[in-house]
């Protein structure tokens, strides 16, 4: 998941801000969270960008601790 890790490292704010946030990353984030926390597609897409990034960080920290 190199793209996802790069996104986490830059705190989800690539040059250009949220307007320039690649749709590919949104799909990766939703797929990753969906596979880990089992929330619905709708629930994941209803998260705003910052909240989705926060959940990604927390889930990834839990996985690193295992």
C-alpha atoms as a PDB file:
ATOM      1  CA  UNK A   1       0.000   0.000   0.000  1.00  0.00           C
ATOM      2  CA  UNK A   2       2.711   2.519  -0.898  1.00  0.00           C
ATOM      3  CA  UNK A   3       0.213   5.128  -2.080  1.00  0.00           C
ATOM      4  CA  UNK A   4      -1.744   4.888   1.143  1.00  0.00           C
ATOM      5  CA  UNK A   5       1.414   5.119   3.275  1.00  0.00           C
ATOM      6  CA  UNK A   6       2.569   8.166   1.322  1.00  0.00           C
ATOM      7  CA  UNK A   7      -0.813   9.729   1.928  1.00  0.00           C
ATOM      8  CA  UNK A   8      -0.624   9.058   5.657  1.00  0.00           C
ATOM      9  CA  UNK A   9       2.910  10.461   5.833  1.00  0.00           C
ATOM     10  CA  UNK A  10       1.813  13.707   4.199  1.00  0.00           C
ATOM     11  CA  UNK A  11      -1.220  13.775   6.509  1.00  0.00           C
ATOM     12  CA  UNK A  12      -3.520  13.417   3.509  1.00  0.00           C
ATOM     13  CA  UNK A  13      -2.750  16.882   2.197  1.00  0.00           C
ATOM     14  CA  UNK A  14      -0.924  16.663  -1.111  1.00  0.00           C
ATOM     15  CA  UNK A  15       0.221  19.854  -2.785  1.00  0.00           C
ATOM     16  CA  UNK A  16      -2.968  21.455  -4.012  1.00  0.00           C
ATOM     17  CA  UNK A  17      -5.096  20.575  -0.990  1.00  0.00           C
ATOM     18  CA  UNK A  18      -8.314  18.602  -0.913  1.00  0.00           C
ATOM     19  CA  UNK A  19      -9.340  19.766  -4.390  1.00  0.00           C
ATOM     20  CA  UNK A  20      -6.277  17.987  -5.758  1.00  0.00           C
ATOM     21  CA  UNK A  21      -6.761  14.828  -3.671  1.00  0.00           C
ATOM     22  CA  UNK A  22      -6.629  11.914  -6.121  1.00  0.00           C
ATOM     23  CA  UNK A  23      -9.815   9.888  -6.409  1.00  0.00           C
ATOM     24  CA  UNK A  24      -7.606   6.779  -6.527  1.00  0.00           C
ATOM     25  CA  UNK A  25      -6.559   7.476  -2.924  1.00  0.00           C
ATOM     26  CA  UNK A  26     -10.183   7.847  -1.822  1.00  0.00           C
ATOM     27  CA  UNK A  27     -10.921   4.405  -3.273  1.00  0.00           C
ATOM     28  CA  UNK A  28      -7.857   2.919  -1.567  1.00  0.00           C
ATOM     29  CA  UNK A  29      -8.781   4.445   1.786  1.00  0.00           C
ATOM     30  CA  UNK A  30     -12.399   3.303   1.604  1.00  0.00           C
ATOM     31  CA  UNK A  31     -11.377  -0.206   0.543  1.00  0.00           C
ATOM     32  CA  UNK A  32      -8.767  -0.439   3.298  1.00  0.00           C
ATOM     33  CA  UNK A  33     -11.075   0.792   6.057  1.00  0.00           C
ATOM     34  CA  UNK A  34     -13.969  -1.298   4.764  1.00  0.00           C
ATOM     35  CA  UNK A  35     -11.874  -4.442   4.959  1.00  0.00           C
ATOM     36  CA  UNK A  36     -10.697  -3.663   8.485  1.00  0.00           C
ATOM     37  CA  UNK A  37     -13.646  -2.074  10.290  1.00  0.00           C
ATOM     38  CA  UNK A  38     -16.487  -3.560   8.197  1.00  0.00           C
ATOM     39  CA  UNK A  39     -18.410  -0.305   7.878  1.00  0.00           C
ATOM     40  CA  UNK A  40     -20.721   0.093   4.939  1.00  0.00           C
ATOM     41  CA  UNK A  41     -19.698   1.863   1.754  1.00  0.00           C
ATOM     42  CA  UNK A  42     -22.135   4.654   2.574  1.00  0.00           C
ATOM     43  CA  UNK A  43     -20.749   5.103   6.101  1.00  0.00           C
ATOM     44  CA  UNK A  44     -17.201   5.327   4.793  1.00  0.00           C
ATOM     45  CA  UNK A  45     -18.057   7.815   2.060  1.00  0.00           C
ATOM     46  CA  UNK A  46     -19.967   9.956   4.543  1.00  0.00           C
ATOM     47  CA  UNK A  47     -16.765  10.523   6.540  1.00  0.00           C
ATOM     48  CA  UNK A  48     -15.177  13.835   5.707  1.00  0.00           C
ATOM     49  CA  UNK A  49     -11.619  13.779   4.493  1.00  0.00           C
ATOM     50  CA  UNK A  50      -9.980  14.609   7.837  1.00  0.00           C
ATOM     51  CA  UNK A  51     -12.049  12.060   9.743  1.00  0.00           C
ATOM     52  CA  UNK A  52     -11.305   9.321   7.209  1.00  0.00           C
ATOM     53  CA  UNK A  53      -7.584  10.117   7.499  1.00  0.00           C
ATOM     54  CA  UNK A  54      -7.795   9.941  11.284  1.00  0.00           C
ATOM     55  CA  UNK A  55      -9.462   6.523  11.187  1.00  0.00           C
ATOM     56  CA  UNK A  56      -6.819   5.288   8.732  1.00  0.00           C
ATOM     57  CA  UNK A  57      -4.068   6.343  11.111  1.00  0.00           C
ATOM     58  CA  UNK A  58      -5.714   4.640  14.079  1.00  0.00           C
ATOM     59  CA  UNK A  59      -6.368   1.361  12.249  1.00  0.00           C
ATOM     60  CA  UNK A  60      -2.830   1.298  10.881  1.00  0.00           C
ATOM     61  CA  UNK A  61      -1.383   1.906  14.367  1.00  0.00           C
ATOM     62  CA  UNK A  62      -3.366  -1.053  15.686  1.00  0.00           C
ATOM     63  CA  UNK A  63      -2.052  -3.263  12.894  1.00  0.00           C
ATOM     64  CA  UNK A  64       1.537  -2.188  13.526  1.00  0.00           C
ATOM     65  CA  UNK A  65       1.156  -3.115  17.212  1.00  0.00           C
ATOM     66  CA  UNK A  66       0.169  -6.696  16.349  1.00  0.00           C
END
